[in-house]
N, C-alpha and C. Protein backbone atom coordinates (compact mmCIF):
# COMPACT_ATOMS: atom_id res chain seq x y z
N MET A 1 29.27 15.16 -8.43
CA MET A 1 28.98 15.14 -7.01
C MET A 1 29.30 16.53 -6.48
N GLY A 2 28.38 17.12 -5.72
CA GLY A 2 28.56 18.46 -5.19
C GLY A 2 29.63 18.48 -4.11
N MET A 3 30.18 19.66 -3.87
CA MET A 3 31.24 19.81 -2.88
C MET A 3 30.75 19.44 -1.48
N LYS A 4 29.57 19.93 -1.09
CA LYS A 4 29.05 19.63 0.24
C LYS A 4 28.89 18.12 0.41
N PHE A 5 28.36 17.44 -0.62
CA PHE A 5 28.14 16.02 -0.53
C PHE A 5 29.48 15.27 -0.43
N ALA A 6 30.44 15.66 -1.24
CA ALA A 6 31.74 14.99 -1.22
C ALA A 6 32.40 15.12 0.14
N ALA A 7 32.36 16.32 0.70
CA ALA A 7 32.95 16.54 2.02
C ALA A 7 32.20 15.75 3.07
N PHE A 8 30.89 15.72 3.00
CA PHE A 8 30.08 14.99 3.96
C PHE A 8 30.36 13.51 3.86
N ALA A 9 30.43 12.98 2.66
CA ALA A 9 30.68 11.56 2.48
C ALA A 9 32.03 11.19 3.07
N ALA A 10 33.03 12.03 2.87
CA ALA A 10 34.35 11.74 3.39
C ALA A 10 34.34 11.77 4.92
N LEU A 11 33.66 12.75 5.52
CA LEU A 11 33.59 12.85 6.96
C LEU A 11 32.66 11.79 7.56
N GLY A 12 31.61 11.46 6.84
CA GLY A 12 30.58 10.58 7.37
C GLY A 12 30.93 9.10 7.35
N LEU A 13 31.98 8.72 6.68
CA LEU A 13 32.29 7.29 6.59
C LEU A 13 32.51 6.68 7.97
N GLY A 14 33.07 7.45 8.88
CA GLY A 14 33.27 6.96 10.24
C GLY A 14 31.96 6.78 10.98
N LEU A 15 30.89 7.43 10.50
CA LEU A 15 29.58 7.33 11.14
C LEU A 15 28.75 6.20 10.56
N GLY A 16 29.30 5.44 9.64
CA GLY A 16 28.54 4.37 9.01
C GLY A 16 27.76 4.85 7.81
N LEU A 17 28.04 6.04 7.35
CA LEU A 17 27.34 6.60 6.20
C LEU A 17 27.83 5.93 4.94
N VAL A 18 26.91 5.53 4.11
CA VAL A 18 27.28 4.90 2.85
C VAL A 18 27.69 6.00 1.88
N ALA A 19 28.88 5.91 1.34
CA ALA A 19 29.32 6.87 0.34
C ALA A 19 28.67 6.49 -0.98
N CYS A 20 27.85 7.37 -1.51
CA CYS A 20 27.16 7.06 -2.75
C CYS A 20 27.18 8.27 -3.67
N THR A 21 27.03 8.00 -4.91
CA THR A 21 26.97 9.08 -5.88
C THR A 21 25.55 9.60 -5.94
N GLU A 22 25.35 10.75 -6.58
CA GLU A 22 24.01 11.29 -6.71
C GLU A 22 23.09 10.32 -7.45
N ALA A 23 23.62 9.53 -8.36
CA ALA A 23 22.81 8.56 -9.10
C ALA A 23 22.27 7.47 -8.17
N GLU A 24 22.99 7.21 -7.05
CA GLU A 24 22.56 6.19 -6.12
C GLU A 24 21.64 6.73 -5.03
N MET A 25 21.45 8.03 -4.99
CA MET A 25 20.57 8.62 -3.99
C MET A 25 19.14 8.17 -4.28
N PRO A 26 18.33 8.02 -3.23
CA PRO A 26 16.95 7.61 -3.46
C PRO A 26 16.22 8.68 -4.26
N GLY A 27 15.30 8.25 -5.08
CA GLY A 27 14.55 9.18 -5.89
C GLY A 27 13.06 9.00 -5.70
N PRO A 28 12.26 9.79 -6.40
CA PRO A 28 10.81 9.71 -6.25
C PRO A 28 10.22 8.34 -6.56
N SER A 29 10.80 7.60 -7.52
CA SER A 29 10.23 6.28 -7.81
C SER A 29 10.46 5.32 -6.65
N ASP A 30 11.62 5.42 -5.98
CA ASP A 30 11.87 4.62 -4.79
C ASP A 30 10.86 5.00 -3.71
N GLY A 31 10.66 6.28 -3.53
CA GLY A 31 9.73 6.77 -2.52
C GLY A 31 8.29 6.39 -2.83
N GLN A 32 7.92 6.40 -4.11
CA GLN A 32 6.56 6.04 -4.48
C GLN A 32 6.27 4.59 -4.11
N ALA A 33 7.21 3.70 -4.38
CA ALA A 33 7.02 2.29 -4.03
C ALA A 33 6.88 2.12 -2.52
N LEU A 34 7.71 2.80 -1.75
CA LEU A 34 7.62 2.72 -0.30
C LEU A 34 6.30 3.33 0.19
N PHE A 35 5.89 4.44 -0.42
CA PHE A 35 4.63 5.09 -0.07
C PHE A 35 3.47 4.12 -0.29
N MET A 36 3.46 3.45 -1.41
CA MET A 36 2.39 2.50 -1.71
C MET A 36 2.37 1.35 -0.69
N ASN A 37 3.53 0.91 -0.23
CA ASN A 37 3.60 -0.18 0.75
C ASN A 37 3.19 0.25 2.15
N TYR A 38 3.58 1.45 2.57
CA TYR A 38 3.41 1.85 3.96
C TYR A 38 2.34 2.92 4.20
N CYS A 39 2.01 3.72 3.22
CA CYS A 39 1.18 4.91 3.47
C CYS A 39 -0.17 4.90 2.75
N ALA A 40 -0.23 4.29 1.59
CA ALA A 40 -1.41 4.39 0.72
C ALA A 40 -2.67 3.79 1.34
N ALA A 41 -2.54 2.81 2.22
CA ALA A 41 -3.74 2.21 2.82
C ALA A 41 -4.56 3.26 3.56
N CYS A 42 -3.91 4.21 4.19
CA CYS A 42 -4.63 5.28 4.90
C CYS A 42 -4.71 6.56 4.08
N HIS A 43 -3.58 6.97 3.49
CA HIS A 43 -3.52 8.26 2.79
C HIS A 43 -3.96 8.17 1.34
N GLY A 44 -4.23 6.98 0.84
CA GLY A 44 -4.66 6.81 -0.55
C GLY A 44 -3.49 6.76 -1.50
N PRO A 45 -3.67 6.10 -2.66
CA PRO A 45 -2.57 5.96 -3.62
C PRO A 45 -2.10 7.29 -4.20
N THR A 46 -2.94 8.31 -4.16
CA THR A 46 -2.52 9.63 -4.65
C THR A 46 -2.10 10.55 -3.51
N GLY A 47 -2.23 10.09 -2.26
CA GLY A 47 -1.86 10.90 -1.11
C GLY A 47 -2.95 11.85 -0.64
N ASN A 48 -4.16 11.72 -1.17
CA ASN A 48 -5.23 12.66 -0.87
C ASN A 48 -5.96 12.39 0.44
N GLY A 49 -5.52 11.39 1.21
CA GLY A 49 -6.14 11.10 2.49
C GLY A 49 -7.33 10.17 2.42
N LYS A 50 -7.57 9.60 1.26
CA LYS A 50 -8.75 8.75 1.07
C LYS A 50 -8.37 7.31 0.72
N GLY A 51 -7.57 6.71 1.59
CA GLY A 51 -7.19 5.32 1.38
C GLY A 51 -8.28 4.38 1.85
N PRO A 52 -8.20 3.12 1.50
CA PRO A 52 -9.23 2.15 1.86
C PRO A 52 -9.43 1.98 3.37
N MET A 53 -8.43 2.26 4.18
CA MET A 53 -8.56 2.13 5.63
C MET A 53 -8.99 3.43 6.29
N ALA A 54 -9.07 4.52 5.57
CA ALA A 54 -9.35 5.83 6.15
C ALA A 54 -10.69 5.88 6.86
N GLU A 55 -11.69 5.24 6.31
CA GLU A 55 -13.03 5.30 6.90
C GLU A 55 -13.09 4.70 8.30
N GLY A 56 -12.26 3.73 8.59
CA GLY A 56 -12.28 3.07 9.89
C GLY A 56 -11.46 3.77 10.96
N LEU A 57 -10.82 4.86 10.63
CA LEU A 57 -9.97 5.56 11.59
C LEU A 57 -10.76 6.61 12.37
N ASN A 58 -10.36 6.85 13.61
CA ASN A 58 -11.02 7.87 14.43
C ASN A 58 -10.79 9.28 13.88
N GLN A 59 -9.63 9.52 13.32
CA GLN A 59 -9.30 10.82 12.73
C GLN A 59 -8.91 10.58 11.27
N ALA A 60 -9.49 11.36 10.38
CA ALA A 60 -9.19 11.20 8.95
C ALA A 60 -7.72 11.49 8.67
N PRO A 61 -7.08 10.68 7.82
CA PRO A 61 -5.69 10.95 7.45
C PRO A 61 -5.59 12.28 6.69
N LYS A 62 -4.47 12.94 6.85
CA LYS A 62 -4.23 14.21 6.17
C LYS A 62 -4.08 14.00 4.67
N ASP A 63 -4.46 15.01 3.93
CA ASP A 63 -4.20 15.05 2.49
C ASP A 63 -2.74 15.45 2.34
N LEU A 64 -1.92 14.51 1.94
CA LEU A 64 -0.47 14.75 1.85
C LEU A 64 -0.08 15.56 0.62
N THR A 65 -1.00 15.78 -0.29
CA THR A 65 -0.70 16.60 -1.47
C THR A 65 -0.75 18.09 -1.13
N LEU A 66 -1.25 18.42 0.07
CA LEU A 66 -1.41 19.83 0.48
C LEU A 66 -0.46 20.23 1.61
N ILE A 67 0.58 19.45 1.84
CA ILE A 67 1.53 19.78 2.91
C ILE A 67 2.11 21.17 2.70
N ALA A 68 2.65 21.44 1.53
CA ALA A 68 3.25 22.75 1.27
C ALA A 68 2.20 23.85 1.34
N ALA A 69 1.01 23.60 0.81
CA ALA A 69 -0.05 24.61 0.84
C ALA A 69 -0.42 24.96 2.28
N ARG A 70 -0.42 23.98 3.17
CA ARG A 70 -0.73 24.24 4.58
C ARG A 70 0.39 24.97 5.30
N HIS A 71 1.55 25.04 4.66
CA HIS A 71 2.72 25.69 5.27
C HIS A 71 3.20 26.88 4.45
N GLY A 72 2.26 27.62 3.91
CA GLY A 72 2.61 28.85 3.18
C GLY A 72 3.38 28.64 1.90
N GLY A 73 3.23 27.48 1.26
CA GLY A 73 3.90 27.21 0.00
C GLY A 73 5.28 26.59 0.14
N THR A 74 5.70 26.34 1.37
CA THR A 74 7.01 25.74 1.62
C THR A 74 6.83 24.34 2.18
N PHE A 75 7.55 23.39 1.64
CA PHE A 75 7.49 22.02 2.14
C PHE A 75 8.43 21.90 3.34
N PRO A 76 7.89 21.67 4.55
CA PRO A 76 8.72 21.63 5.77
C PRO A 76 9.41 20.27 5.94
N ARG A 77 10.56 20.13 5.30
CA ARG A 77 11.26 18.85 5.25
C ARG A 77 11.52 18.25 6.64
N ALA A 78 12.05 19.04 7.56
CA ALA A 78 12.37 18.50 8.89
C ALA A 78 11.12 18.05 9.62
N LYS A 79 10.06 18.82 9.56
CA LYS A 79 8.82 18.47 10.24
C LYS A 79 8.23 17.18 9.67
N ILE A 80 8.18 17.09 8.35
CA ILE A 80 7.60 15.90 7.73
C ILE A 80 8.46 14.67 7.99
N MET A 81 9.76 14.83 7.98
CA MET A 81 10.65 13.71 8.29
C MET A 81 10.38 13.22 9.71
N SER A 82 10.19 14.14 10.65
CA SER A 82 9.96 13.74 12.04
C SER A 82 8.61 13.05 12.20
N ILE A 83 7.62 13.43 11.40
CA ILE A 83 6.31 12.77 11.46
C ILE A 83 6.41 11.35 10.92
N ILE A 84 7.06 11.20 9.77
CA ILE A 84 7.20 9.86 9.18
C ILE A 84 7.97 8.95 10.14
N ASP A 85 9.11 9.44 10.61
CA ASP A 85 9.96 8.64 11.48
C ASP A 85 9.32 8.43 12.85
N GLY A 86 8.70 9.48 13.38
CA GLY A 86 8.07 9.40 14.68
C GLY A 86 8.95 9.89 15.82
N TYR A 87 10.15 10.42 15.53
CA TYR A 87 11.06 10.78 16.62
C TYR A 87 10.77 12.11 17.28
N ALA A 88 9.93 12.95 16.72
CA ALA A 88 9.71 14.26 17.32
C ALA A 88 8.23 14.57 17.49
N ARG A 89 7.45 13.55 17.77
CA ARG A 89 6.03 13.82 17.99
C ARG A 89 5.51 12.89 19.09
N SER A 90 4.37 13.28 19.61
CA SER A 90 3.74 12.44 20.63
C SER A 90 2.48 11.84 20.03
N ASP A 91 1.95 10.84 20.68
CA ASP A 91 0.72 10.21 20.21
C ASP A 91 -0.44 11.20 20.16
N GLN A 92 -0.41 12.25 21.00
CA GLN A 92 -1.48 13.23 21.01
C GLN A 92 -1.44 14.14 19.78
N SER A 93 -0.28 14.34 19.20
CA SER A 93 -0.17 15.27 18.07
C SER A 93 -0.77 14.70 16.79
N LEU A 94 -0.64 13.42 16.56
CA LEU A 94 -1.20 12.75 15.38
C LEU A 94 -1.72 11.38 15.79
N PRO A 95 -2.89 11.35 16.45
CA PRO A 95 -3.38 10.06 16.91
C PRO A 95 -3.61 9.10 15.74
N GLY A 96 -3.17 7.88 15.92
CA GLY A 96 -3.36 6.87 14.89
C GLY A 96 -2.25 6.80 13.85
N MET A 97 -1.39 7.81 13.78
CA MET A 97 -0.30 7.80 12.81
C MET A 97 0.82 6.92 13.35
N PRO A 98 1.12 5.80 12.68
CA PRO A 98 2.20 4.93 13.15
C PRO A 98 3.56 5.61 13.01
N GLU A 99 4.51 5.13 13.81
CA GLU A 99 5.89 5.57 13.68
C GLU A 99 6.58 4.57 12.76
N PHE A 100 7.13 5.07 11.66
CA PHE A 100 7.70 4.19 10.65
C PHE A 100 9.22 4.10 10.71
N GLY A 101 9.85 4.79 11.64
CA GLY A 101 11.30 4.81 11.71
C GLY A 101 11.94 3.43 11.68
N ALA A 102 11.48 2.54 12.55
CA ALA A 102 12.07 1.20 12.62
C ALA A 102 11.77 0.39 11.36
N LEU A 103 10.58 0.55 10.79
CA LEU A 103 10.22 -0.19 9.57
C LEU A 103 11.04 0.27 8.37
N LEU A 104 11.45 1.52 8.37
CA LEU A 104 12.14 2.08 7.21
C LEU A 104 13.65 2.17 7.40
N GLU A 105 14.19 1.47 8.40
CA GLU A 105 15.63 1.50 8.59
C GLU A 105 16.32 0.98 7.33
N SER A 106 17.38 1.66 6.95
CA SER A 106 18.13 1.32 5.75
C SER A 106 19.49 1.99 5.85
N ASP A 107 20.31 1.83 4.81
CA ASP A 107 21.61 2.48 4.83
C ASP A 107 21.41 3.99 4.90
N LEU A 108 22.42 4.67 5.40
CA LEU A 108 22.34 6.11 5.60
C LEU A 108 22.83 6.88 4.39
N VAL A 109 22.13 7.97 4.10
CA VAL A 109 22.51 8.88 3.03
C VAL A 109 22.46 10.29 3.59
N PRO A 110 23.17 11.23 2.98
CA PRO A 110 23.13 12.61 3.46
C PRO A 110 21.77 13.24 3.17
N PHE A 111 21.22 13.93 4.17
CA PHE A 111 19.90 14.55 4.04
C PHE A 111 19.98 15.98 4.55
N ASP A 112 19.48 16.90 3.74
CA ASP A 112 19.39 18.31 4.12
C ASP A 112 17.93 18.60 4.42
N SER A 113 17.62 18.86 5.67
CA SER A 113 16.24 19.11 6.08
C SER A 113 15.79 20.52 5.76
N GLY A 114 16.68 21.30 5.17
CA GLY A 114 16.34 22.68 4.82
C GLY A 114 17.19 23.69 5.55
N ASP A 115 18.04 23.22 6.45
CA ASP A 115 18.90 24.14 7.19
C ASP A 115 20.31 24.23 6.60
N GLY A 116 20.53 23.55 5.47
CA GLY A 116 21.83 23.60 4.82
C GLY A 116 22.85 22.63 5.40
N LYS A 117 22.47 21.87 6.41
CA LYS A 117 23.38 20.91 7.03
C LYS A 117 22.99 19.50 6.58
N LEU A 118 23.97 18.70 6.23
CA LEU A 118 23.72 17.33 5.81
C LEU A 118 23.80 16.41 7.03
N THR A 119 22.79 15.57 7.18
CA THR A 119 22.70 14.67 8.31
C THR A 119 22.51 13.25 7.79
N PRO A 120 23.21 12.26 8.36
CA PRO A 120 23.00 10.88 7.94
C PRO A 120 21.57 10.44 8.30
N THR A 121 20.83 10.01 7.30
CA THR A 121 19.42 9.66 7.46
C THR A 121 19.14 8.39 6.67
N PRO A 122 18.28 7.52 7.18
CA PRO A 122 17.96 6.30 6.43
C PRO A 122 17.43 6.61 5.02
N ARG A 123 18.00 5.93 4.06
CA ARG A 123 17.65 6.12 2.64
C ARG A 123 16.14 6.02 2.40
N ASN A 124 15.47 5.07 3.03
CA ASN A 124 14.03 4.90 2.79
C ASN A 124 13.20 6.07 3.30
N LEU A 125 13.60 6.66 4.42
CA LEU A 125 12.89 7.85 4.91
C LEU A 125 13.06 9.00 3.93
N VAL A 126 14.28 9.18 3.45
CA VAL A 126 14.55 10.26 2.48
C VAL A 126 13.73 10.03 1.20
N ALA A 127 13.65 8.77 0.76
CA ALA A 127 12.92 8.47 -0.47
C ALA A 127 11.44 8.83 -0.35
N ILE A 128 10.80 8.48 0.77
CA ILE A 128 9.39 8.83 0.96
C ILE A 128 9.22 10.34 1.02
N LEU A 129 10.08 11.00 1.76
CA LEU A 129 9.98 12.46 1.86
C LEU A 129 10.11 13.11 0.48
N GLU A 130 11.07 12.67 -0.29
CA GLU A 130 11.27 13.26 -1.62
C GLU A 130 10.09 12.95 -2.53
N TYR A 131 9.48 11.79 -2.39
CA TYR A 131 8.28 11.49 -3.17
C TYR A 131 7.15 12.43 -2.76
N LEU A 132 6.96 12.61 -1.47
CA LEU A 132 5.91 13.52 -1.01
C LEU A 132 6.09 14.93 -1.57
N GLU A 133 7.32 15.37 -1.68
CA GLU A 133 7.58 16.70 -2.27
C GLU A 133 7.09 16.76 -3.72
N THR A 134 7.16 15.66 -4.43
CA THR A 134 6.77 15.67 -5.86
C THR A 134 5.26 15.67 -6.06
N ILE A 135 4.47 15.31 -5.04
CA ILE A 135 3.02 15.25 -5.22
C ILE A 135 2.30 16.48 -4.67
N GLN A 136 3.03 17.50 -4.33
CA GLN A 136 2.41 18.71 -3.79
C GLN A 136 1.62 19.46 -4.86
N VAL A 137 0.45 19.95 -4.47
CA VAL A 137 -0.39 20.77 -5.34
C VAL A 137 -0.75 22.04 -4.58
N SER A 138 -1.16 23.07 -5.31
CA SER A 138 -1.63 24.28 -4.65
C SER A 138 -3.13 24.21 -4.50
N ARG A 139 -3.65 24.90 -3.56
CA ARG A 139 -5.11 24.88 -3.32
C ARG A 139 -5.84 25.67 -4.35
């Protein structure tokens, strides 16, 4: 267990954070299962934006395999987390994209959005985000 994680777990217990080992952290397989349940209908099973419901939408779903490519080769963890959760966007920014925060509520785990700070975040949100990172391709 890393030093930052150990310190965060010790401090976070008062916040309701579940103290877990790195082996208990959500991984890509957890995220893939959640992705298939919540995202694949629109974004497709491979994340390419061609799910079975995509044709009926007013705006085509994004190709999620190109997130990093659209951001100069860097996967914007905080931005993508806010889109999945829905806490930092308006209906005008991504029309038709549901807010999944309430659906994905789960125990809290430490999450680094890229700023080096660990924040208690629902395990299921972290799992989907980490899965999305694994399916990135270059253009």
